[in-house]
Amino acid sequence: MLRLLALSSALVLLFALSGCTATSPPPAGETDPVVSCIQACRQARDSGTSLEPGPCLLNPILAAPQWVCDVAHEPRQAVDDLPENQCSAYRRNSTHFVELRPDCSLIRVY
């Protein structure tokens, strides 16, 4: 019985940990792209820039050039698909993006 309990506990722990995925950290010398994106979003918002159209804020994120920072809506709206509101660097050479809501909260990291 004790053996079965130990095995069950181990399986539950393994199952719980298997869902935990970590994104790889940015290369040395780069800052966290999510932090950079949120900071840029807050600066834009605080300076009076309208974020409702879903603008691209950092194209690319200078401290992490493989990343872009984009504002969008959840659920997506037609304005999010307009080319002028998308980060052109993502279509060209950046491989990751941080997507924020107009209130600067995180939607997703890809």
PDB file of N, CA and C in Angstrom:
ATOM      1  N   MET A   1       0.829  -1.197   0.000  1.00  0.00           N
ATOM      2  CA  MET A   1       0.000   0.000   0.000  1.00  0.00           C
ATOM      3  C   MET A   1       0.874   1.262   0.000  1.00  0.00           C
ATOM      4  N   LEU A   2       1.908   1.262   0.845  1.00  0.00           N
ATOM      5  CA  LEU A   2       2.815   2.402   0.920  1.00  0.00           C
ATOM      6  C   LEU A   2       3.557   2.582  -0.409  1.00  0.00           C
ATOM      7  N   ARG A   3       3.912   1.457  -1.022  1.00  0.00           N
ATOM      8  CA  ARG A   3       4.600   1.492  -2.310  1.00  0.00           C
ATOM      9  C   ARG A   3       3.689   2.099  -3.391  1.00  0.00           C
ATOM     10  N   LEU A   4       2.426   1.723  -3.383  1.00  0.00           N
ATOM     11  CA  LEU A   4       1.459   2.251  -4.340  1.00  0.00           C
ATOM     12  C   LEU A   4       1.258   3.755  -4.138  1.00  0.00           C
ATOM     13  N   LEU A   5       1.206   4.176  -2.885  1.00  0.00           N
ATOM     14  CA  LEU A   5       1.059   5.598  -2.574  1.00  0.00           C
ATOM     15  C   LEU A   5       2.275   6.385  -3.062  1.00  0.00           C
ATOM     16  N   ALA A   6       3.465   5.852  -2.849  1.00  0.00           N
ATOM     17  CA  ALA A   6       4.690   6.522  -3.298  1.00  0.00           C
ATOM     18  C   ALA A   6       4.722   6.617  -4.821  1.00  0.00           C
ATOM     19  N   LEU A   7       4.347   5.534  -5.494  1.00  0.00           N
ATOM     20  CA  LEU A   7       4.321   5.536  -6.953  1.00  0.00           C
ATOM     21  C   LEU A   7       3.291   6.537  -7.479  1.00  0.00           C
ATOM     22  N   SER A   8       2.128   6.566  -6.857  1.00  0.00           N
ATOM     23  CA  SER A   8       1.083   7.514  -7.263  1.00  0.00           C
ATOM     24  C   SER A   8       1.552   8.951  -7.082  1.00  0.00           C
ATOM     25  N   SER A   9       2.195   9.217  -5.955  1.00  0.00           N
ATOM     26  CA  SER A   9       2.703  10.568  -5.687  1.00  0.00           C
ATOM     27  C   SER A   9       3.748  10.967  -6.720  1.00  0.00           C
ATOM     28  N   ALA A  10       4.623  10.038  -7.061  1.00  0.00           N
ATOM     29  CA  ALA A  10       5.660  10.318  -8.052  1.00  0.00           C
ATOM     30  C   ALA A  10       5.039  10.607  -9.418  1.00  0.00           C
ATOM     31  N   LEU A  11       4.020   9.850  -9.785  1.00  0.00           N
ATOM     32  CA  LEU A  11       3.358  10.069 -11.071  1.00  0.00           C
ATOM     33  C   LEU A  11       2.644  11.414 -11.114  1.00  0.00           C
ATOM     34  N   VAL A  12       1.996  11.778 -10.024  1.00  0.00           N
ATOM     35  CA  VAL A  12       1.310  13.075  -9.960  1.00  0.00           C
ATOM     36  C   VAL A  12       2.328  14.203 -10.092  1.00  0.00           C
ATOM     37  N   LEU A  13       3.448  14.089  -9.396  1.00  0.00           N
ATOM     38  CA  LEU A  13       4.495  15.104  -9.470  1.00  0.00           C
ATOM     39  C   LEU A  13       5.062  15.192 -10.889  1.00  0.00           C
ATOM     40  N   LEU A  14       5.340  14.056 -11.494  1.00  0.00           N
ATOM     41  CA  LEU A  14       5.857  14.036 -12.858  1.00  0.00           C
ATOM     42  C   LEU A  14       4.863  14.668 -13.830  1.00  0.00           C
ATOM     43  N   PHE A  15       3.602  14.341 -13.678  1.00  0.00           N
ATOM     44  CA  PHE A  15       2.558  14.903 -14.534  1.00  0.00           C
ATOM     45  C   PHE A  15       2.486  16.421 -14.362  1.00  0.00           C
ATOM     46  N   ALA A  16       2.536  16.879 -13.125  1.00  0.00           N
ATOM     47  CA  ALA A  16       2.454  18.320 -12.855  1.00  0.00           C
ATOM     48  C   ALA A  16       3.648  19.055 -13.451  1.00  0.00           C
ATOM     49  N   LEU A  17       4.830  18.483 -13.306  1.00  0.00           N
ATOM     50  CA  LEU A  17       6.026  19.145 -13.811  1.00  0.00           C
ATOM     51  C   LEU A  17       6.133  19.092 -15.327  1.00  0.00           C
ATOM     52  N   SER A  18       5.533  18.107 -15.945  1.00  0.00           N
ATOM     53  CA  SER A  18       5.625  18.002 -17.399  1.00  0.00           C
ATOM     54  C   SER A  18       4.902  19.148 -18.095  1.00  0.00           C
ATOM     55  N   GLY A  19       3.949  19.763 -17.432  1.00  0.00           N
ATOM     56  CA  GLY A  19       3.238  20.899 -18.009  1.00  0.00           C
ATOM     57  C   GLY A  19       3.979  22.201 -17.845  1.00  0.00           C
ATOM     58  N   CYS A  20       5.034  22.199 -17.065  1.00  0.00           N
ATOM     59  CA  CYS A  20       5.808  23.409 -16.824  1.00  0.00           C
ATOM     60  C   CYS A  20       6.855  23.544 -17.914  1.00  0.00           C
ATOM     61  N   THR A  21       6.698  24.527 -18.759  1.00  0.00           N
ATOM     62  CA  THR A  21       7.683  24.755 -19.802  1.00  0.00           C
ATOM     63  C   THR A  21       8.277  26.125 -19.593  1.00  0.00           C
ATOM     64  N   ALA A  22       9.535  26.220 -19.798  1.00  0.00           N
ATOM     65  CA  ALA A  22      10.215  27.497 -19.655  1.00  0.00           C
ATOM     66  C   ALA A  22      10.721  27.921 -21.022  1.00  0.00           C
ATOM     67  N   THR A  23      10.583  29.194 -21.309  1.00  0.00           N
ATOM     68  CA  THR A  23      11.166  29.679 -22.546  1.00  0.00           C
ATOM     69  C   THR A  23      12.645  29.867 -22.298  1.00  0.00           C
ATOM     70  N   SER A  24      13.428  29.683 -23.313  1.00  0.00           N
ATOM     71  CA  SER A  24      14.860  29.846 -23.128  1.00  0.00           C
ATOM     72  C   SER A  24      15.148  31.326 -22.905  1.00  0.00           C
ATOM     73  N   PRO A  25      16.101  31.615 -22.037  1.00  0.00           N
ATOM     74  CA  PRO A  25      16.414  33.016 -21.766  1.00  0.00           C
ATOM     75  C   PRO A  25      17.046  33.656 -22.996  1.00  0.00           C
ATOM     76  N   PRO A  26      16.949  34.964 -23.090  1.00  0.00           N
ATOM     77  CA  PRO A  26      17.590  35.625 -24.220  1.00  0.00           C
ATOM     78  C   PRO A  26      19.103  35.447 -24.135  1.00  0.00           C
ATOM     79  N   PRO A  27      19.804  35.516 -25.255  1.00  0.00           N
ATOM     80  CA  PRO A  27      21.262  35.381 -25.237  1.00  0.00           C
ATOM     81  C   PRO A  27      21.908  36.427 -24.338  1.00  0.00           C
ATOM     82  N   ALA A  28      23.126  36.142 -23.913  1.00  0.00           N
ATOM     83  CA  ALA A  28      23.864  37.049 -23.027  1.00  0.00           C
ATOM     84  C   ALA A  28      23.900  38.445 -23.636  1.00  0.00           C
ATOM     85  N   GLY A  29      23.670  39.428 -22.820  1.00  0.00           N
ATOM     86  CA  GLY A  29      23.683  40.810 -23.272  1.00  0.00           C
ATOM     87  C   GLY A  29      22.318  41.328 -23.677  1.00  0.00           C
ATOM     88  N   GLU A  30      21.350  40.450 -23.838  1.00  0.00           N
ATOM     89  CA  GLU A  30      19.999  40.876 -24.183  1.00  0.00           C
ATOM     90  C   GLU A  30      19.149  40.939 -22.921  1.00  0.00           C
ATOM     91  N   THR A  31      18.233  41.883 -22.887  1.00  0.00           N
ATOM     92  CA  THR A  31      17.314  41.956 -21.763  1.00  0.00           C
ATOM     93  C   THR A  31      16.092  41.114 -22.066  1.00  0.00           C
ATOM     94  N   ASP A  32      15.289  40.889 -21.067  1.00  0.00           N
ATOM     95  CA  ASP A  32      14.075  40.098 -21.237  1.00  0.00           C
ATOM     96  C   ASP A  32      13.137  40.834 -22.195  1.00  0.00           C
ATOM     97  N   PRO A  33      12.786  40.229 -23.319  1.00  0.00           N
ATOM     98  CA  PRO A  33      11.926  40.893 -24.301  1.00  0.00           C
ATOM     99  C   PRO A  33      10.554  41.277 -23.747  1.00  0.00           C
ATOM    100  N   VAL A  34      10.006  40.472 -22.855  1.00  0.00           N
ATOM    101  CA  VAL A  34       8.688  40.785 -22.293  1.00  0.00           C
ATOM    102  C   VAL A  34       8.773  42.061 -21.463  1.00  0.00           C
ATOM    103  N   VAL A  35       9.802  42.169 -20.651  1.00  0.00           N
ATOM    104  CA  VAL A  35       9.984  43.364 -19.819  1.00  0.00           C
ATOM    105  C   VAL A  35      10.172  44.590 -20.711  1.00  0.00           C
ATOM    106  N   SER A  36      11.006  44.463 -21.733  1.00  0.00           N
ATOM    107  CA  SER A  36      11.235  45.583 -22.658  1.00  0.00           C
ATOM    108  C   SER A  36       9.945  46.014 -23.340  1.00  0.00           C
ATOM    109  N   CYS A  37       9.148  45.050 -23.744  1.00  0.00           N
ATOM    110  CA  CYS A  37       7.894  45.343 -24.440  1.00  0.00           C
ATOM    111  C   CYS A  37       6.901  46.045 -23.515  1.00  0.00           C
ATOM    112  N   ILE A  38       6.751  45.537 -22.310  1.00  0.00           N
ATOM    113  CA  ILE A  38       5.820  46.158 -21.358  1.00  0.00           C
ATOM    114  C   ILE A  38       6.265  47.575 -21.026  1.00  0.00           C
ATOM    115  N   GLN A  39       7.571  47.779 -20.860  1.00  0.00           N
ATOM    116  CA  GLN A  39       8.078  49.126 -20.583  1.00  0.00           C
ATOM    117  C   GLN A  39       7.775  50.072 -21.745  1.00  0.00           C
ATOM    118  N   ALA A  40       7.995  49.604 -22.968  1.00  0.00           N
ATOM    119  CA  ALA A  40       7.714  50.438 -24.146  1.00  0.00           C
ATOM    120  C   ALA A  40       6.228  50.756 -24.246  1.00  0.00           C
ATOM    121  N   CYS A  41       5.401  49.783 -23.934  1.00  0.00           N
ATOM    122  CA  CYS A  41       3.949  49.982 -23.977  1.00  0.00           C
ATOM    123  C   CYS A  41       3.520  51.035 -22.955  1.00  0.00           C
ATOM    124  N   ARG A  42       4.030  50.915 -21.757  1.00  0.00           N
ATOM    125  CA  ARG A  42       3.672  51.887 -20.709  1.00  0.00           C
ATOM    126  C   ARG A  42       4.163  53.281 -21.057  1.00  0.00           C
ATOM    127  N   GLN A  43       5.364  53.371 -21.633  1.00  0.00           N
ATOM    128  CA  GLN A  43       5.882  54.680 -22.041  1.00  0.00           C
ATOM    129  C   GLN A  43       4.998  55.292 -23.124  1.00  0.00           C
ATOM    130  N   ALA A  44       4.618  54.487 -24.097  1.00  0.00           N
ATOM    131  CA  ALA A  44       3.755  54.984 -25.177  1.00  0.00           C
ATOM    132  C   ALA A  44       2.409  55.436 -24.622  1.00  0.00           C
ATOM    133  N   ARG A  45       1.820  54.611 -23.766  1.00  0.00           N
ATOM    134  CA  ARG A  45       0.518  54.936 -23.173  1.00  0.00           C
ATOM    135  C   ARG A  45       0.619  56.216 -22.345  1.00  0.00           C
ATOM    136  N   ASP A  46       1.669  56.313 -21.516  1.00  0.00           N
ATOM    137  CA  ASP A  46       1.825  57.471 -20.633  1.00  0.00           C
ATOM    138  C   ASP A  46       2.121  58.757 -21.400  1.00  0.00           C
ATOM    139  N   SER A  47       2.683  58.621 -22.611  1.00  0.00           N
ATOM    140  CA  SER A  47       2.970  59.816 -23.413  1.00  0.00           C
ATOM    141  C   SER A  47       1.779  60.228 -24.273  1.00  0.00           C
ATOM    142  N   GLY A  48       0.677  59.477 -24.174  1.00  0.00           N
ATOM    143  CA  GLY A  48      -0.537  59.843 -24.882  1.00  0.00           C
ATOM    144  C   GLY A  48      -0.759  59.121 -26.204  1.00  0.00           C
ATOM    145  N   THR A  49       0.113  58.192 -26.557  1.00  0.00           N
ATOM    146  CA  THR A  49      -0.072  57.421 -27.790  1.00  0.00           C
ATOM    147  C   THR A  49      -1.285  56.509 -27.644  1.00  0.00           C
ATOM    148  N   SER A  50      -2.156  56.516 -28.633  1.00  0.00           N
ATOM    149  CA  SER A  50      -3.318  55.626 -28.601  1.00  0.00           C
ATOM    150  C   SER A  50      -2.873  54.213 -28.954  1.00  0.00           C
ATOM    151  N   LEU A  51      -3.158  53.282 -28.074  1.00  0.00           N
ATOM    152  CA  LEU A  51      -2.790  51.889 -28.303  1.00  0.00           C
ATOM    153  C   LEU A  51      -3.963  51.073 -28.831  1.00  0.00           C
ATOM    154  N   GLU A  52      -5.134  51.674 -28.917  1.00  0.00           N
ATOM    155  CA  GLU A  52      -6.322  50.958 -29.398  1.00  0.00           C
ATOM    156  C   GLU A  52      -6.183  50.436 -30.829  1.00  0.00           C
ATOM    157  N   PRO A  53      -5.481  51.150 -31.722  1.00  0.00           N
ATOM    158  CA  PRO A  53      -5.324  50.601 -33.071  1.00  0.00           C
ATOM    159  C   PRO A  53      -4.426  49.359 -33.127  1.00  0.00           C
ATOM    160  N   GLY A  54      -3.714  49.073 -32.045  1.00  0.00           N
ATOM    161  CA  GLY A  54      -2.849  47.893 -32.035  1.00  0.00           C
ATOM    162  C   GLY A  54      -1.531  48.113 -32.753  1.00  0.00           C
ATOM    163  N   PRO A  55      -0.811  49.186 -32.424  1.00  0.00           N
ATOM    164  CA  PRO A  55       0.432  49.468 -33.146  1.00  0.00           C
ATOM    165  C   PRO A  55       1.567  48.508 -32.789  1.00  0.00           C
ATOM    166  N   CYS A  56       2.519  48.434 -33.698  1.00  0.00           N
ATOM    167  CA  CYS A  56       3.778  47.757 -33.403  1.00  0.00           C
ATOM    168  C   CYS A  56       4.608  48.765 -32.617  1.00  0.00           C
ATOM    169  N   LEU A  57       5.094  48.368 -31.451  1.00  0.00           N
ATOM    170  CA  LEU A  57       5.830  49.305 -30.602  1.00  0.00           C
ATOM    171  C   LEU A  57       7.342  49.222 -30.775  1.00  0.00           C
ATOM    172  N   LEU A  58       7.873  48.036 -30.892  1.00  0.00           N
ATOM    173  CA  LEU A  58       9.317  47.853 -31.057  1.00  0.00           C
ATOM    174  C   LEU A  58       9.534  46.897 -32.220  1.00  0.00           C
ATOM    175  N   ASN A  59      10.239  47.367 -33.235  1.00  0.00           N
ATOM    176  CA  ASN A  59      10.300  46.648 -34.503  1.00  0.00           C
ATOM    177  C   ASN A  59      11.718  46.628 -35.078  1.00  0.00           C
ATOM    178  N   PRO A  60      12.640  45.870 -34.524  1.00  0.00           N
ATOM    179  CA  PRO A  60      12.549  44.874 -33.458  1.00  0.00           C
ATOM    180  C   PRO A  60      12.813  45.503 -32.095  1.00  0.00           C
ATOM    181  N   ILE A  61      12.780  44.659 -31.064  1.00  0.00           N
ATOM    182  CA  ILE A  61      13.194  45.093 -29.726  1.00  0.00           C
ATOM    183  C   ILE A  61      14.709  45.244 -29.800  1.00  0.00           C
ATOM    184  N   LEU A  62      15.216  46.445 -29.607  1.00  0.00           N
ATOM    185  CA  LEU A  62      16.641  46.705 -29.818  1.00  0.00           C
ATOM    186  C   LEU A  62      17.546  45.822 -28.967  1.00  0.00           C
ATOM    187  N   ALA A  63      17.162  45.589 -27.724  1.00  0.00           N
ATOM    188  CA  ALA A  63      17.995  44.779 -26.835  1.00  0.00           C
ATOM    189  C   ALA A  63      17.864  43.288 -27.118  1.00  0.00           C
ATOM    190  N   ALA A  64      16.892  42.910 -27.941  1.00  0.00           N
ATOM    191  CA  ALA A  64      16.666  41.504 -28.297  1.00  0.00           C
ATOM    192  C   ALA A  64      16.191  41.475 -29.751  1.00  0.00           C
ATOM    193  N   PRO A  65      17.108  41.596 -30.716  1.00  0.00           N
ATOM    194  CA  PRO A  65      16.728  41.817 -32.106  1.00  0.00           C
ATOM    195  C   PRO A  65      15.934  40.712 -32.793  1.00  0.00           C
ATOM    196  N   GLN A  66      15.850  39.561 -32.209  1.00  0.00           N
ATOM    197  CA  GLN A  66      15.025  38.500 -32.797  1.00  0.00           C
ATOM    198  C   GLN A  66      13.570  38.607 -32.348  1.00  0.00           C
ATOM    199  N   TRP A  67      13.259  39.640 -31.572  1.00  0.00           N
ATOM    200  CA  TRP A  67      11.925  39.825 -30.999  1.00  0.00           C
ATOM    201  C   TRP A  67      11.317  41.132 -31.478  1.00  0.00           C
ATOM    202  N   VAL A  68       9.980  41.148 -31.592  1.00  0.00           N
ATOM    203  CA  VAL A  68       9.228  42.375 -31.832  1.00  0.00           C
ATOM    204  C   VAL A  68       8.182  42.520 -30.727  1.00  0.00           C
ATOM    205  N   CYS A  69       7.685  43.732 -30.577  1.00  0.00           N
ATOM    206  CA  CYS A  69       6.679  44.029 -29.551  1.00  0.00           C
ATOM    207  C   CYS A  69       5.456  44.619 -30.243  1.00  0.00           C
ATOM    208  N   ASP A  70       4.330  43.932 -30.123  1.00  0.00           N
ATOM    209  CA  ASP A  70       3.122  44.319 -30.843  1.00  0.00           C
ATOM    210  C   ASP A  70       1.945  44.439 -29.882  1.00  0.00           C
ATOM    211  N   VAL A  71       1.104  45.432 -30.111  1.00  0.00           N
ATOM    212  CA  VAL A  71      -0.133  45.584 -29.348  1.00  0.00           C
ATOM    213  C   VAL A  71      -1.260  45.019 -30.204  1.00  0.00           C
ATOM    214  N   ALA A  72      -2.128  44.236 -29.590  1.00  0.00           N
ATOM    215  CA  ALA A  72      -3.252  43.625 -30.304  1.00  0.00           C
ATOM    216  C   ALA A  72      -4.441  43.528 -29.355  1.00  0.00           C
ATOM    217  N   HIS A  73      -5.472  42.892 -29.815  1.00  0.00           N
ATOM    218  CA  HIS A  73      -6.679  42.719 -29.005  1.00  0.00           C
ATOM    219  C   HIS A  73      -6.960  41.238 -28.819  1.00  0.00           C
ATOM    220  N   GLU A  74      -7.638  40.933 -27.747  1.00  0.00           N
ATOM    221  CA  GLU A  74      -8.052  39.550 -27.478  1.00  0.00           C
ATOM    222  C   GLU A  74      -9.514  39.559 -27.103  1.00  0.00           C
ATOM    223  N   PRO A  75     -10.371  39.039 -27.966  1.00  0.00           N
ATOM    224  CA  PRO A  75     -10.091  38.389 -29.248  1.00  0.00           C
ATOM    225  C   PRO A  75      -9.620  39.406 -30.286  1.00  0.00           C
ATOM    226  N   ARG A  76      -8.937  38.883 -31.300  1.00  0.00           N
ATOM    227  CA  ARG A  76      -8.396  39.751 -32.351  1.00  0.00           C
ATOM    228  C   ARG A  76      -9.510  40.541 -33.034  1.00  0.00           C
ATOM    229  N   GLN A  77      -9.152  41.742 -33.448  1.00  0.00           N
ATOM    230  CA  GLN A  77     -10.063  42.597 -34.196  1.00  0.00           C
ATOM    231  C   GLN A  77      -9.469  42.839 -35.579  1.00  0.00           C
ATOM    232  N   ALA A  78     -10.282  43.306 -36.495  1.00  0.00           N
ATOM    233  CA  ALA A  78      -9.817  43.548 -37.865  1.00  0.00           C
ATOM    234  C   ALA A  78      -8.627  44.504 -37.890  1.00  0.00           C
ATOM    235  N   VAL A  79      -8.610  45.474 -36.990  1.00  0.00           N
ATOM    236  CA  VAL A  79      -7.524  46.454 -36.944  1.00  0.00           C
ATOM    237  C   VAL A  79      -6.179  45.777 -36.662  1.00  0.00           C
ATOM    238  N   ASP A  80      -6.190  44.635 -35.991  1.00  0.00           N
ATOM    239  CA  ASP A  80      -4.948  43.920 -35.678  1.00  0.00           C
ATOM    240  C   ASP A  80      -4.298  43.321 -36.922  1.00  0.00           C
ATOM    241  N   ASP A  81      -5.072  43.130 -37.979  1.00  0.00           N
ATOM    242  CA  ASP A  81      -4.554  42.512 -39.192  1.00  0.00           C
ATOM    243  C   ASP A  81      -4.118  43.520 -40.253  1.00  0.00           C
ATOM    244  N   LEU A  82      -4.253  44.804 -39.950  1.00  0.00           N
ATOM    245  CA  LEU A  82      -3.806  45.823 -40.900  1.00  0.00           C
ATOM    246  C   LEU A  82      -2.274  45.868 -40.918  1.00  0.00           C
ATOM    247  N   PRO A  83      -1.664  45.899 -42.102  1.00  0.00           N
ATOM    248  CA  PRO A  83      -0.197  45.901 -42.189  1.00  0.00           C
ATOM    249  C   PRO A  83       0.463  47.018 -41.384  1.00  0.00           C
ATOM    250  N   GLU A  84      -0.167  48.189 -41.333  1.00  0.00           N
ATOM    251  CA  GLU A  84       0.442  49.300 -40.589  1.00  0.00           C
ATOM    252  C   GLU A  84       0.447  49.074 -39.078  1.00  0.00           C
ATOM    253  N   ASN A  85      -0.302  48.095 -38.604  1.00  0.00           N
ATOM    254  CA  ASN A  85      -0.329  47.783 -37.175  1.00  0.00           C
ATOM    255  C   ASN A  85       0.458  46.520 -36.840  1.00  0.00           C
ATOM    256  N   GLN A  86       1.139  45.965 -37.812  1.00  0.00           N
ATOM    257  CA  GLN A  86       1.922  44.751 -37.581  1.00  0.00           C
ATOM    258  C   GLN A  86       3.407  45.077 -37.676  1.00  0.00           C
ATOM    259  N   CYS A  87       4.201  44.313 -36.994  1.00  0.00           N
ATOM    260  CA  CYS A  87       5.647  44.532 -36.998  1.00  0.00           C
ATOM    261  C   CYS A  87       6.267  43.918 -38.248  1.00  0.00           C
ATOM    262  N   SER A  88       6.790  44.770 -39.112  1.00  0.00           N
ATOM    263  CA  SER A  88       7.382  44.282 -40.362  1.00  0.00           C
ATOM    264  C   SER A  88       8.624  43.433 -40.113  1.00  0.00           C
ATOM    265  N   ALA A  89       9.346  43.691 -39.037  1.00  0.00           N
ATOM    266  CA  ALA A  89      10.546  42.894 -38.737  1.00  0.00           C
ATOM    267  C   ALA A  89      10.188  41.438 -38.480  1.00  0.00           C
ATOM    268  N   TYR A  90       8.993  41.185 -37.967  1.00  0.00           N
ATOM    269  CA  TYR A  90       8.588  39.790 -37.730  1.00  0.00           C
ATOM    270  C   TYR A  90       8.386  39.067 -39.058  1.00  0.00           C
ATOM    271  N   ARG A  91       7.872  39.762 -40.032  1.00  0.00           N
ATOM    272  CA  ARG A  91       7.684  39.139 -41.351  1.00  0.00           C
ATOM    273  C   ARG A  91       9.017  38.960 -42.070  1.00  0.00           C
ATOM    274  N   ARG A  92      10.005  39.800 -41.753  1.00  0.00           N
ATOM    275  CA  ARG A  92      11.300  39.737 -42.442  1.00  0.00           C
ATOM    276  C   ARG A  92      12.279  38.794 -41.759  1.00  0.00           C
ATOM    277  N   ASN A  93      12.659  39.093 -40.518  1.00  0.00           N
ATOM    278  CA  ASN A  93      13.746  38.313 -39.936  1.00  0.00           C
ATOM    279  C   ASN A  93      13.633  38.029 -38.450  1.00  0.00           C
ATOM    280  N   SER A  94      12.790  38.720 -37.728  1.00  0.00           N
ATOM    281  CA  SER A  94      12.631  38.412 -36.307  1.00  0.00           C
ATOM    282  C   SER A  94      11.843  37.112 -36.186  1.00  0.00           C
ATOM    283  N   THR A  95      12.160  36.339 -35.177  1.00  0.00           N
ATOM    284  CA  THR A  95      11.543  35.018 -35.060  1.00  0.00           C
ATOM    285  C   THR A  95      10.598  34.882 -33.876  1.00  0.00           C
ATOM    286  N   HIS A  96      10.513  35.905 -33.042  1.00  0.00           N
ATOM    287  CA  HIS A  96       9.668  35.837 -31.849  1.00  0.00           C
ATOM    288  C   HIS A  96       8.902  37.146 -31.693  1.00  0.00           C
ATOM    289  N   PHE A  97       7.756  37.063 -31.018  1.00  0.00           N
ATOM    290  CA  PHE A  97       7.048  38.298 -30.712  1.00  0.00           C
ATOM    291  C   PHE A  97       6.436  38.247 -29.324  1.00  0.00           C
ATOM    292  N   VAL A  98       6.278  39.442 -28.772  1.00  0.00           N
ATOM    293  CA  VAL A  98       5.545  39.646 -27.526  1.00  0.00           C
ATOM    294  C   VAL A  98       4.304  40.415 -27.936  1.00  0.00           C
ATOM    295  N   GLU A  99       3.153  39.912 -27.541  1.00  0.00           N
ATOM    296  CA  GLU A  99       1.886  40.548 -27.903  1.00  0.00           C
ATOM    297  C   GLU A  99       1.201  41.016 -26.626  1.00  0.00           C
ATOM    298  N   LEU A 100       0.881  42.307 -26.589  1.00  0.00           N
ATOM    299  CA  LEU A 100       0.244  42.923 -25.424  1.00  0.00           C
ATOM    300  C   LEU A 100      -1.124  43.474 -25.796  1.00  0.00           C
ATOM    301  N   ARG A 101      -1.992  43.594 -24.789  1.00  0.00           N
ATOM    302  CA  ARG A 101      -3.278  44.283 -24.951  1.00  0.00           C
ATOM    303  C   ARG A 101      -3.025  45.794 -24.888  1.00  0.00           C
ATOM    304  N   PRO A 102      -3.985  46.609 -25.314  1.00  0.00           N
ATOM    305  CA  PRO A 102      -3.817  48.058 -25.222  1.00  0.00           C
ATOM    306  C   PRO A 102      -3.591  48.576 -23.794  1.00  0.00           C
ATOM    307  N   ASP A 103      -3.942  47.781 -22.782  1.00  0.00           N
ATOM    308  CA  ASP A 103      -3.663  48.197 -21.400  1.00  0.00           C
ATOM    309  C   ASP A 103      -2.279  47.742 -20.944  1.00  0.00           C
ATOM    310  N   CYS A 104      -1.488  47.206 -21.871  1.00  0.00           N
ATOM    311  CA  CYS A 104      -0.113  46.749 -21.647  1.00  0.00           C
ATOM    312  C   CYS A 104      -0.004  45.431 -20.894  1.00  0.00           C
ATOM    313  N   SER A 105      -1.093  44.695 -20.768  1.00  0.00           N
ATOM    314  CA  SER A 105      -1.014  43.365 -20.160  1.00  0.00           C
ATOM    315  C   SER A 105      -0.706  42.339 -21.253  1.00  0.00           C
ATOM    316  N   LEU A 106      -0.091  41.256 -20.851  1.00  0.00           N
ATOM    317  CA  LEU A 106       0.404  40.247 -21.785  1.00  0.00           C
ATOM    318  C   LEU A 106      -0.712  39.396 -22.380  1.00  0.00           C
ATOM    319  N   ILE A 107      -0.696  39.231 -23.700  1.00  0.00           N
ATOM    320  CA  ILE A 107      -1.573  38.275 -24.378  1.00  0.00           C
ATOM    321  C   ILE A 107      -0.812  36.977 -24.566  1.00  0.00           C
ATOM    322  N   ARG A 108       0.347  37.061 -25.248  1.00  0.00           N
ATOM    323  CA  ARG A 108       1.141  35.851 -25.458  1.00  0.00           C
ATOM    324  C   ARG A 108       2.560  36.205 -25.884  1.00  0.00           C
ATOM    325  N   VAL A 109       3.409  35.207 -25.746  1.00  0.00           N
ATOM    326  CA  VAL A 109       4.800  35.287 -26.170  1.00  0.00           C
ATOM    327  C   VAL A 109       5.007  34.130 -27.124  1.00  0.00           C
ATOM    328  N   TYR A 110       5.556  34.406 -28.279  1.00  0.00           N
ATOM    329  CA  TYR A 110       5.751  33.351 -29.266  1.00  0.00           C
ATOM    330  C   TYR A 110       7.160  33.388 -29.802  1.00  0.00           C
TER     331      TYR A 110
END
